[in-house]
Amino acid sequence: MSYDLIQTASVIRYPYLWAREAGRGETEGRKERPVAVGVRMARPDGDLVLFFPITTKEPEASRFAIEVPTIEKRRAGLDADRRLWIIFDEFNIDVVGNSFYLEPAPPIGSFGKAFFLPLLREFIARRKSATEVSRRR
């Protein structure tokens, strides 16, 4: 397998480490969950990738989170019968090919660009208020 399909708007399974867990000193995600690939930036030592968690737990109103519409859940290979949110005010950052957590498995699906790219632009505008959890070693 290859890491080539891990691109913006794809959805993969990843052991996401929540900021609250990292803040308590935890270093491992408690379970694999679907995450949205935000940005992949080419680097000589391995591409840097941002991951946004997808959750079934309804976020607080103060969070920058978007409920995933049914059509997008289907495109992304997610359960269309469950309410799901993408969280954009925190993210994990990792390095492709140099990660303990990232596998070269194909994505489970992908969000439509018309849905995801405006959200990514909004994240970029709010980037300074988001919490980064680095998974780089």
N, C-alpha and C. Protein backbone atom coordinates (compact mmCIF):
# COMPACT_ATOMS: atom_id res chain seq x y z
N MET A 1 0.84 -1.18 0.00
CA MET A 1 0.00 0.00 0.00
C MET A 1 0.89 1.25 0.00
N SER A 2 0.25 2.36 -0.24
CA SER A 2 0.96 3.62 -0.35
C SER A 2 0.25 4.70 0.46
N TYR A 3 0.99 5.71 0.82
CA TYR A 3 0.43 6.86 1.52
C TYR A 3 -0.15 7.90 0.55
N ASP A 4 -0.03 7.69 -0.74
CA ASP A 4 -0.40 8.68 -1.74
C ASP A 4 -1.87 9.11 -1.66
N LEU A 5 -2.76 8.24 -1.21
CA LEU A 5 -4.18 8.57 -1.18
C LEU A 5 -4.58 9.38 0.04
N ILE A 6 -3.65 9.61 0.94
CA ILE A 6 -3.94 10.44 2.11
C ILE A 6 -3.79 11.90 1.68
N GLN A 7 -4.91 12.47 1.27
CA GLN A 7 -4.94 13.82 0.71
C GLN A 7 -6.04 14.63 1.37
N THR A 8 -6.04 15.94 1.15
CA THR A 8 -7.07 16.82 1.69
C THR A 8 -8.46 16.27 1.40
N ALA A 9 -9.29 16.24 2.44
CA ALA A 9 -10.69 15.82 2.43
C ALA A 9 -10.88 14.30 2.49
N SER A 10 -9.79 13.52 2.44
CA SER A 10 -9.98 12.08 2.60
C SER A 10 -10.24 11.77 4.07
N VAL A 11 -10.87 10.62 4.31
CA VAL A 11 -11.19 10.18 5.66
C VAL A 11 -10.47 8.85 5.89
N ILE A 12 -9.69 8.81 6.96
CA ILE A 12 -8.96 7.60 7.31
C ILE A 12 -9.25 7.24 8.77
N ARG A 13 -8.80 6.07 9.18
CA ARG A 13 -8.87 5.68 10.59
C ARG A 13 -7.50 5.98 11.19
N TYR A 14 -7.53 6.59 12.39
CA TYR A 14 -6.29 7.08 13.01
C TYR A 14 -6.50 7.13 14.53
N PRO A 15 -5.49 6.78 15.32
CA PRO A 15 -5.63 6.84 16.78
C PRO A 15 -5.48 8.28 17.28
N TYR A 16 -6.51 9.08 17.05
CA TYR A 16 -6.49 10.51 17.37
C TYR A 16 -6.27 10.73 18.86
N LEU A 17 -5.39 11.66 19.20
CA LEU A 17 -5.13 12.04 20.58
C LEU A 17 -5.78 13.40 20.83
N TRP A 18 -6.83 13.40 21.64
CA TRP A 18 -7.55 14.63 21.96
C TRP A 18 -6.66 15.57 22.76
N ALA A 19 -6.84 16.86 22.57
CA ALA A 19 -6.05 17.87 23.29
C ALA A 19 -6.19 17.70 24.80
N ARG A 20 -7.39 17.38 25.28
CA ARG A 20 -7.60 17.22 26.73
C ARG A 20 -6.79 16.03 27.26
N GLU A 21 -6.66 14.97 26.46
CA GLU A 21 -5.87 13.81 26.86
C GLU A 21 -4.37 14.16 26.85
N ALA A 22 -3.93 14.85 25.82
CA ALA A 22 -2.53 15.28 25.74
C ALA A 22 -2.20 16.21 26.90
N GLY A 23 -3.15 17.06 27.28
CA GLY A 23 -2.95 17.98 28.39
C GLY A 23 -2.77 17.27 29.72
N ARG A 24 -3.30 16.05 29.82
CA ARG A 24 -3.13 15.23 31.04
C ARG A 24 -1.88 14.36 30.96
N GLY A 25 -1.09 14.54 29.90
CA GLY A 25 0.15 13.79 29.76
C GLY A 25 0.03 12.50 28.98
N GLU A 26 -1.15 12.19 28.46
CA GLU A 26 -1.30 10.98 27.65
C GLU A 26 -0.58 11.18 26.32
N THR A 27 -0.05 10.08 25.77
CA THR A 27 0.69 10.18 24.51
C THR A 27 0.09 9.31 23.42
N GLU A 28 -0.89 8.49 23.76
CA GLU A 28 -1.50 7.57 22.80
C GLU A 28 -3.00 7.85 22.68
N GLY A 29 -3.49 7.82 21.45
CA GLY A 29 -4.94 7.91 21.26
C GLY A 29 -5.59 6.67 21.84
N ARG A 30 -6.75 6.83 22.45
CA ARG A 30 -7.40 5.70 23.12
C ARG A 30 -8.01 4.70 22.16
N LYS A 31 -8.39 5.16 20.96
CA LYS A 31 -8.96 4.25 19.96
C LYS A 31 -8.78 4.86 18.58
N GLU A 32 -8.83 4.00 17.58
CA GLU A 32 -8.84 4.51 16.22
C GLU A 32 -10.22 5.09 15.95
N ARG A 33 -10.25 6.20 15.27
CA ARG A 33 -11.50 6.83 14.91
C ARG A 33 -11.34 7.42 13.51
N PRO A 34 -12.45 7.71 12.86
CA PRO A 34 -12.30 8.39 11.58
C PRO A 34 -11.82 9.83 11.80
N VAL A 35 -10.91 10.25 10.95
CA VAL A 35 -10.42 11.63 10.96
C VAL A 35 -10.44 12.14 9.52
N ALA A 36 -10.63 13.44 9.41
CA ALA A 36 -10.56 14.09 8.10
C ALA A 36 -9.15 14.63 7.90
N VAL A 37 -8.59 14.37 6.74
CA VAL A 37 -7.27 14.91 6.41
C VAL A 37 -7.46 16.36 6.00
N GLY A 38 -6.81 17.25 6.74
CA GLY A 38 -6.96 18.67 6.47
C GLY A 38 -5.98 19.14 5.41
N VAL A 39 -4.76 19.24 5.79
CA VAL A 39 -3.72 19.77 4.90
C VAL A 39 -2.56 18.79 4.89
N ARG A 40 -1.99 18.59 3.73
CA ARG A 40 -0.77 17.78 3.60
C ARG A 40 0.28 18.67 2.96
N MET A 41 1.37 18.90 3.70
CA MET A 41 2.42 19.80 3.24
C MET A 41 3.70 19.01 2.99
N ALA A 42 4.24 19.13 1.80
CA ALA A 42 5.46 18.41 1.44
C ALA A 42 6.65 18.93 2.25
N ARG A 43 7.42 17.99 2.78
CA ARG A 43 8.63 18.28 3.53
C ARG A 43 9.67 17.25 3.13
N PRO A 44 10.96 17.60 3.15
CA PRO A 44 12.00 16.64 2.77
C PRO A 44 12.04 15.39 3.65
N ASP A 45 11.71 15.54 4.93
CA ASP A 45 11.78 14.40 5.86
C ASP A 45 10.45 13.67 6.00
N GLY A 46 9.48 13.98 5.15
CA GLY A 46 8.15 13.37 5.20
C GLY A 46 7.08 14.45 5.25
N ASP A 47 6.02 14.21 4.53
CA ASP A 47 4.95 15.22 4.46
C ASP A 47 4.27 15.40 5.81
N LEU A 48 4.04 16.64 6.17
CA LEU A 48 3.33 16.99 7.39
C LEU A 48 1.83 16.98 7.09
N VAL A 49 1.03 16.34 7.96
CA VAL A 49 -0.40 16.23 7.73
C VAL A 49 -1.16 16.65 8.98
N LEU A 50 -2.25 17.40 8.78
CA LEU A 50 -3.15 17.78 9.85
C LEU A 50 -4.39 16.90 9.79
N PHE A 51 -4.82 16.38 10.96
CA PHE A 51 -5.99 15.52 11.05
C PHE A 51 -7.02 16.15 11.98
N PHE A 52 -8.28 16.17 11.52
CA PHE A 52 -9.39 16.67 12.32
C PHE A 52 -10.26 15.49 12.74
N PRO A 53 -10.60 15.39 14.04
CA PRO A 53 -11.38 14.24 14.50
C PRO A 53 -12.84 14.32 14.06
N ILE A 54 -13.41 13.15 13.87
CA ILE A 54 -14.84 13.02 13.58
C ILE A 54 -15.43 12.26 14.77
N THR A 55 -16.49 12.80 15.34
CA THR A 55 -17.03 12.25 16.57
C THR A 55 -18.55 12.13 16.53
N THR A 56 -19.07 11.21 17.35
CA THR A 56 -20.52 11.06 17.50
C THR A 56 -21.03 11.90 18.67
N LYS A 57 -20.12 12.39 19.49
CA LYS A 57 -20.51 13.19 20.66
C LYS A 57 -20.75 14.63 20.23
N GLU A 58 -21.95 15.12 20.47
CA GLU A 58 -22.27 16.49 20.07
C GLU A 58 -21.39 17.47 20.82
N PRO A 59 -20.67 18.32 20.09
CA PRO A 59 -19.75 19.26 20.75
C PRO A 59 -20.52 20.42 21.40
N GLU A 60 -19.86 21.06 22.34
CA GLU A 60 -20.43 22.26 22.96
C GLU A 60 -20.59 23.34 21.89
N ALA A 61 -21.56 24.22 22.10
CA ALA A 61 -21.85 25.28 21.13
C ALA A 61 -20.66 26.20 20.89
N SER A 62 -19.76 26.31 21.86
CA SER A 62 -18.60 27.20 21.73
C SER A 62 -17.50 26.62 20.84
N ARG A 63 -17.59 25.35 20.49
CA ARG A 63 -16.56 24.71 19.68
C ARG A 63 -16.75 25.03 18.21
N PHE A 64 -15.64 25.03 17.47
CA PHE A 64 -15.71 25.16 16.01
C PHE A 64 -15.84 23.75 15.47
N ALA A 65 -17.09 23.34 15.28
CA ALA A 65 -17.41 22.00 14.82
C ALA A 65 -18.57 22.07 13.85
N ILE A 66 -18.59 21.17 12.89
CA ILE A 66 -19.63 21.15 11.87
C ILE A 66 -20.26 19.76 11.83
N GLU A 67 -21.59 19.72 11.87
CA GLU A 67 -22.27 18.44 11.72
C GLU A 67 -22.17 18.00 10.26
N VAL A 68 -21.91 16.74 10.06
CA VAL A 68 -21.71 16.20 8.71
C VAL A 68 -23.07 15.84 8.11
N PRO A 69 -23.39 16.42 6.95
CA PRO A 69 -24.65 16.08 6.28
C PRO A 69 -24.64 14.62 5.80
N THR A 70 -25.81 14.06 5.64
CA THR A 70 -25.96 12.64 5.26
C THR A 70 -25.20 12.31 3.98
N ILE A 71 -25.32 13.12 2.95
CA ILE A 71 -24.65 12.82 1.68
C ILE A 71 -23.14 12.78 1.87
N GLU A 72 -22.62 13.65 2.72
CA GLU A 72 -21.17 13.67 2.97
C GLU A 72 -20.73 12.48 3.81
N LYS A 73 -21.59 12.03 4.72
CA LYS A 73 -21.27 10.81 5.48
C LYS A 73 -21.14 9.63 4.52
N ARG A 74 -22.02 9.56 3.56
CA ARG A 74 -21.96 8.46 2.58
C ARG A 74 -20.69 8.54 1.74
N ARG A 75 -20.37 9.73 1.26
CA ARG A 75 -19.15 9.92 0.45
C ARG A 75 -17.90 9.52 1.24
N ALA A 76 -17.93 9.83 2.53
CA ALA A 76 -16.76 9.60 3.37
C ALA A 76 -16.68 8.17 3.92
N GLY A 77 -17.67 7.35 3.60
CA GLY A 77 -17.66 5.97 4.08
C GLY A 77 -18.04 5.85 5.55
N LEU A 78 -18.78 6.83 6.05
CA LEU A 78 -19.19 6.86 7.45
C LEU A 78 -20.63 6.39 7.60
N ASP A 79 -21.03 6.09 8.81
CA ASP A 79 -22.38 5.62 9.10
C ASP A 79 -23.38 6.77 8.89
N ALA A 80 -24.20 6.65 7.86
CA ALA A 80 -25.15 7.71 7.51
C ALA A 80 -26.30 7.82 8.50
N ASP A 81 -26.48 6.83 9.35
CA ASP A 81 -27.59 6.83 10.31
C ASP A 81 -27.22 7.46 11.66
N ARG A 82 -25.96 7.82 11.84
CA ARG A 82 -25.53 8.43 13.10
C ARG A 82 -25.23 9.91 12.89
N ARG A 83 -25.47 10.71 13.91
CA ARG A 83 -25.07 12.11 13.86
C ARG A 83 -23.56 12.18 14.09
N LEU A 84 -22.87 12.89 13.23
CA LEU A 84 -21.41 13.00 13.29
C LEU A 84 -20.99 14.46 13.13
N TRP A 85 -19.91 14.82 13.80
CA TRP A 85 -19.36 16.17 13.71
C TRP A 85 -17.87 16.09 13.41
N ILE A 86 -17.40 17.05 12.63
CA ILE A 86 -15.95 17.24 12.44
C ILE A 86 -15.56 18.38 13.36
N ILE A 87 -14.55 18.16 14.16
CA ILE A 87 -14.06 19.18 15.09
C ILE A 87 -12.89 19.91 14.42
N PHE A 88 -12.98 21.24 14.36
CA PHE A 88 -11.94 22.02 13.68
C PHE A 88 -11.14 22.91 14.64
N ASP A 89 -11.47 22.93 15.92
CA ASP A 89 -10.70 23.81 16.81
C ASP A 89 -9.57 23.09 17.54
N GLU A 90 -9.34 21.84 17.16
CA GLU A 90 -8.15 21.12 17.58
C GLU A 90 -7.79 20.14 16.48
N PHE A 91 -6.53 19.74 16.45
CA PHE A 91 -6.08 18.83 15.40
C PHE A 91 -4.82 18.13 15.83
N ASN A 92 -4.57 16.98 15.22
CA ASN A 92 -3.30 16.27 15.39
C ASN A 92 -2.45 16.57 14.17
N ILE A 93 -1.15 16.64 14.38
CA ILE A 93 -0.21 16.82 13.28
C ILE A 93 0.75 15.64 13.31
N ASP A 94 1.03 15.07 12.14
CA ASP A 94 1.89 13.88 12.06
C ASP A 94 2.69 13.95 10.77
N VAL A 95 3.64 13.05 10.62
CA VAL A 95 4.50 13.03 9.44
C VAL A 95 4.32 11.71 8.69
N VAL A 96 3.94 11.81 7.43
CA VAL A 96 3.73 10.63 6.59
C VAL A 96 5.06 9.89 6.42
N GLY A 97 5.02 8.59 6.60
CA GLY A 97 6.21 7.77 6.41
C GLY A 97 7.17 7.78 7.58
N ASN A 98 6.88 8.60 8.59
CA ASN A 98 7.76 8.69 9.75
C ASN A 98 6.91 8.75 11.02
N SER A 99 5.83 7.97 11.03
CA SER A 99 4.85 8.02 12.10
C SER A 99 4.67 6.65 12.73
N PHE A 100 4.47 6.63 14.04
CA PHE A 100 4.12 5.39 14.73
C PHE A 100 2.65 5.06 14.54
N TYR A 101 1.84 6.02 14.10
CA TYR A 101 0.39 5.89 14.13
C TYR A 101 -0.27 5.81 12.76
N LEU A 102 0.38 6.30 11.74
CA LEU A 102 -0.21 6.41 10.41
C LEU A 102 0.15 5.20 9.58
N GLU A 103 -0.87 4.52 9.09
CA GLU A 103 -0.68 3.32 8.28
C GLU A 103 -0.93 3.65 6.80
N PRO A 104 -0.27 2.94 5.89
CA PRO A 104 -0.49 3.20 4.46
C PRO A 104 -1.73 2.48 3.92
N ALA A 105 -2.82 2.55 4.65
CA ALA A 105 -4.07 1.92 4.23
C ALA A 105 -4.88 2.91 3.39
N PRO A 106 -5.70 2.41 2.49
CA PRO A 106 -6.51 3.33 1.69
C PRO A 106 -7.54 4.05 2.56
N PRO A 107 -7.93 5.27 2.18
CA PRO A 107 -8.96 5.98 2.93
C PRO A 107 -10.28 5.20 2.91
N ILE A 108 -11.10 5.44 3.93
CA ILE A 108 -12.43 4.82 3.93
C ILE A 108 -13.40 5.59 3.05
N GLY A 109 -13.02 6.81 2.68
CA GLY A 109 -13.84 7.64 1.81
C GLY A 109 -13.25 9.04 1.74
N SER A 110 -14.05 9.96 1.23
CA SER A 110 -13.58 11.33 1.08
C SER A 110 -14.77 12.28 1.09
N PHE A 111 -14.60 13.42 1.74
CA PHE A 111 -15.64 14.45 1.69
C PHE A 111 -15.57 15.16 0.36
N GLY A 112 -16.72 15.65 -0.10
CA GLY A 112 -16.76 16.44 -1.32
C GLY A 112 -16.02 17.75 -1.12
N LYS A 113 -15.33 18.19 -2.14
CA LYS A 113 -14.55 19.44 -2.06
C LYS A 113 -15.45 20.64 -1.76
N ALA A 114 -16.65 20.68 -2.34
CA ALA A 114 -17.56 21.80 -2.12
C ALA A 114 -17.98 21.90 -0.66
N PHE A 115 -18.03 20.78 0.03
CA PHE A 115 -18.36 20.76 1.46
C PHE A 115 -17.12 21.09 2.30
N PHE A 116 -16.01 20.44 2.01
CA PHE A 116 -14.86 20.48 2.91
C PHE A 116 -13.97 21.71 2.75
N LEU A 117 -13.73 22.15 1.54
CA LEU A 117 -12.77 23.25 1.34
C LEU A 117 -13.19 24.56 2.01
N PRO A 118 -14.47 24.96 1.99
CA PRO A 118 -14.84 26.17 2.75
C PRO A 118 -14.57 26.02 4.26
N LEU A 119 -14.75 24.82 4.79
CA LEU A 119 -14.47 24.58 6.20
C LEU A 119 -12.98 24.67 6.48
N LEU A 120 -12.19 24.17 5.56
CA LEU A 120 -10.74 24.26 5.69
C LEU A 120 -10.27 25.71 5.64
N ARG A 121 -10.87 26.49 4.75
CA ARG A 121 -10.52 27.92 4.69
C ARG A 121 -10.88 28.62 6.01
N GLU A 122 -12.02 28.27 6.58
CA GLU A 122 -12.42 28.85 7.87
C GLU A 122 -11.44 28.43 8.96
N PHE A 123 -11.02 27.17 8.94
CA PHE A 123 -10.01 26.71 9.91
C PHE A 123 -8.74 27.55 9.77
N ILE A 124 -8.28 27.77 8.55
CA ILE A 124 -7.05 28.54 8.33
C ILE A 124 -7.21 29.95 8.89
N ALA A 125 -8.39 30.55 8.71
CA ALA A 125 -8.63 31.89 9.24
C ALA A 125 -8.61 31.89 10.78
N ARG A 126 -9.01 30.79 11.39
CA ARG A 126 -9.07 30.69 12.85
C ARG A 126 -7.88 29.93 13.44
N ARG A 127 -6.92 29.57 12.65
CA ARG A 127 -5.83 28.67 13.02
C ARG A 127 -5.17 29.01 14.35
N LYS A 128 -4.98 30.29 14.63
CA LYS A 128 -4.26 30.68 15.84
C LYS A 128 -5.02 30.33 17.12
N SER A 129 -6.33 30.13 17.02
CA SER A 129 -7.10 29.78 18.21
C SER A 129 -7.32 28.27 18.34
N ALA A 130 -6.84 27.48 17.37
CA ALA A 130 -6.98 26.03 17.42
C ALA A 130 -5.84 25.42 18.24
N THR A 131 -6.09 24.25 18.79
CA THR A 131 -5.10 23.56 19.61
C THR A 131 -4.45 22.44 18.80
N GLU A 132 -3.14 22.50 18.68
CA GLU A 132 -2.36 21.49 17.96
C GLU A 132 -1.83 20.45 18.93
N VAL A 133 -2.00 19.18 18.56
CA VAL A 133 -1.38 18.08 19.30
C VAL A 133 -0.42 17.41 18.32
N SER A 134 0.86 17.55 18.58
CA SER A 134 1.87 16.99 17.68
C SER A 134 2.08 15.51 17.97
N ARG A 135 2.01 14.70 16.93
CA ARG A 135 2.29 13.27 17.05
C ARG A 135 3.64 12.93 16.42
N ARG A 136 4.39 13.99 16.02
CA ARG A 136 5.72 13.77 15.42
C ARG A 136 6.66 13.25 16.47
N ARG A 137 7.54 12.37 16.03
CA ARG A 137 8.54 11.85 16.96
C ARG A 137 9.86 12.52 16.75
